[in-house]
Amino acid sequence: MVNLDFACLGCKRPVGVTLQCCGPVLEGEGQVVATVCVACPDCGHVNQLVFEPGGMLHGVIDPPAARPVPGPCWN
């Protein structure tokens, strides 16, 4: 279980989230960095957290924009 506290990029209010990190990658050697998207409960802005499963928060960024899905080709 990892507790992360950060300021929302949309409204600057404090947000706290608890995450459960598990899996075989965590048992290996080396540094593991994970990302998760969290919506602010106050304004709804989606924040992407970059963190280590041990609890070190590396940054809060705007998630990459979704690429539009191309429509069917009618040629």
C-alpha atoms as a PDB file:
ATOM      1  CA  MET A   1       0.000   0.000   0.000  1.00  0.00           C
ATOM      2  CA  VAL A   2       1.323   3.418  -0.996  1.00  0.00           C
ATOM      3  CA  ASN A   3      -0.064   6.759   0.175  1.00  0.00           C
ATOM      4  CA  LEU A   4       0.601   9.676  -2.157  1.00  0.00           C
ATOM      5  CA  ASP A   5      -0.246  13.319  -1.461  1.00  0.00           C
ATOM      6  CA  PHE A   6      -0.089  15.929  -4.219  1.00  0.00           C
ATOM      7  CA  ALA A   7      -1.553  19.247  -5.363  1.00  0.00           C
ATOM      8  CA  CYS A   8      -4.068  19.032  -8.210  1.00  0.00           C
ATOM      9  CA  LEU A   9      -2.792  20.664 -11.396  1.00  0.00           C
ATOM     10  CA  GLY A  10      -6.275  22.014 -12.115  1.00  0.00           C
ATOM     11  CA  CYS A  11      -7.365  23.654  -8.849  1.00  0.00           C
ATOM     12  CA  LYS A  12      -4.140  23.429  -6.741  1.00  0.00           C
ATOM     13  CA  ARG A  13      -6.036  21.807  -3.852  1.00  0.00           C
ATOM     14  CA  PRO A  14      -4.393  18.973  -1.900  1.00  0.00           C
ATOM     15  CA  VAL A  15      -5.344  15.437  -2.930  1.00  0.00           C
ATOM     16  CA  GLY A  16      -4.437  12.170  -1.234  1.00  0.00           C
ATOM     17  CA  VAL A  17      -4.673   8.721  -2.760  1.00  0.00           C
ATOM     18  CA  THR A  18      -3.886   5.218  -1.498  1.00  0.00           C
ATOM     19  CA  LEU A  19      -2.676   2.673  -4.053  1.00  0.00           C
ATOM     20  CA  GLN A  20      -1.903  -1.018  -3.820  1.00  0.00           C
ATOM     21  CA  CYS A  21       1.188  -1.996  -5.790  1.00  0.00           C
ATOM     22  CA  CYS A  22       1.865  -5.661  -6.471  1.00  0.00           C
ATOM     23  CA  GLY A  23       3.290  -7.940  -9.118  1.00  0.00           C
ATOM     24  CA  PRO A  24       6.420  -9.852 -10.089  1.00  0.00           C
ATOM     25  CA  VAL A  25       8.198  -6.735 -11.404  1.00  0.00           C
ATOM     26  CA  LEU A  26       8.357  -5.340  -7.868  1.00  0.00           C
ATOM     27  CA  GLU A  27      10.360  -8.336  -6.668  1.00  0.00           C
ATOM     28  CA  GLY A  28      13.134  -7.848  -9.247  1.00  0.00           C
ATOM     29  CA  GLU A  29      16.224  -5.733  -8.970  1.00  0.00           C
ATOM     30  CA  GLY A  30      16.509  -2.149 -10.134  1.00  0.00           C
ATOM     31  CA  GLN A  31      14.351   0.910  -9.902  1.00  0.00           C
ATOM     32  CA  VAL A  32      10.689   0.568 -10.855  1.00  0.00           C
ATOM     33  CA  VAL A  33       8.689   3.659 -11.759  1.00  0.00           C
ATOM     34  CA  ALA A  34       4.929   3.500 -12.218  1.00  0.00           C
ATOM     35  CA  THR A  35       2.223   5.890 -13.374  1.00  0.00           C
ATOM     36  CA  VAL A  36      -1.440   6.204 -12.514  1.00  0.00           C
ATOM     37  CA  CYS A  37      -4.111   8.721 -13.504  1.00  0.00           C
ATOM     38  CA  VAL A  38      -6.168  10.179 -10.656  1.00  0.00           C
ATOM     39  CA  ALA A  39      -9.128  12.518 -11.060  1.00  0.00           C
ATOM     40  CA  CYS A  40      -9.355  15.344  -8.534  1.00  0.00           C
ATOM     41  CA  PRO A  41     -12.422  14.915  -6.312  1.00  0.00           C
ATOM     42  CA  ASP A  42     -12.943  18.703  -6.249  1.00  0.00           C
ATOM     43  CA  CYS A  43     -12.576  19.833  -9.881  1.00  0.00           C
ATOM     44  CA  GLY A  44     -12.379  16.552 -11.833  1.00  0.00           C
ATOM     45  CA  HIS A  45      -9.034  17.388 -13.464  1.00  0.00           C
ATOM     46  CA  VAL A  46      -7.101  14.211 -14.318  1.00  0.00           C
ATOM     47  CA  ASN A  47      -3.567  14.190 -12.880  1.00  0.00           C
ATOM     48  CA  GLN A  48      -0.958  11.603 -13.870  1.00  0.00           C
ATOM     49  CA  LEU A  49       1.273  10.605 -10.965  1.00  0.00           C
ATOM     50  CA  VAL A  50       4.774   9.259 -11.608  1.00  0.00           C
ATOM     51  CA  PHE A  51       6.004   7.354  -8.564  1.00  0.00           C
ATOM     52  CA  GLU A  52       8.038   4.487  -7.185  1.00  0.00           C
ATOM     53  CA  PRO A  53       6.028   1.673  -5.572  1.00  0.00           C
ATOM     54  CA  GLY A  54       7.961   2.392  -2.380  1.00  0.00           C
ATOM     55  CA  GLY A  55       6.185   5.742  -2.082  1.00  0.00           C
ATOM     56  CA  MET A  56       8.568   8.265  -3.699  1.00  0.00           C
ATOM     57  CA  LEU A  57       6.519  10.672  -5.847  1.00  0.00           C
ATOM     58  CA  HIS A  58       8.571  11.852  -8.843  1.00  0.00           C
ATOM     59  CA  GLY A  59       6.029  14.185 -10.371  1.00  0.00           C
ATOM     60  CA  VAL A  60       2.484  15.147 -11.224  1.00  0.00           C
ATOM     61  CA  ILE A  61       1.835  15.847 -14.903  1.00  0.00           C
ATOM     62  CA  ASP A  62      -1.073  16.252 -17.276  1.00  0.00           C
ATOM     63  CA  PRO A  63      -1.712  12.899 -18.954  1.00  0.00           C
ATOM     64  CA  PRO A  64      -0.894  12.726 -22.651  1.00  0.00           C
ATOM     65  CA  ALA A  65      -3.812  13.673 -24.865  1.00  0.00           C
ATOM     66  CA  ALA A  66      -5.661  10.717 -26.286  1.00  0.00           C
ATOM     67  CA  ARG A  67      -5.010  10.212 -29.954  1.00  0.00           C
ATOM     68  CA  PRO A  68      -8.150  10.344 -32.046  1.00  0.00           C
ATOM     69  CA  VAL A  69      -9.158   7.035 -33.551  1.00  0.00           C
ATOM     70  CA  PRO A  70      -9.168   7.298 -37.330  1.00  0.00           C
ATOM     71  CA  GLY A  71     -12.495   6.683 -38.989  1.00  0.00           C
ATOM     72  CA  PRO A  72     -13.058   4.023 -41.614  1.00  0.00           C
ATOM     73  CA  CYS A  73     -11.625   4.593 -45.067  1.00  0.00           C
ATOM     74  CA  TRP A  74     -14.350   4.634 -47.704  1.00  0.00           C
ATOM     75  CA  ASN A  75     -12.022   4.406 -50.739  1.00  0.00           C
END
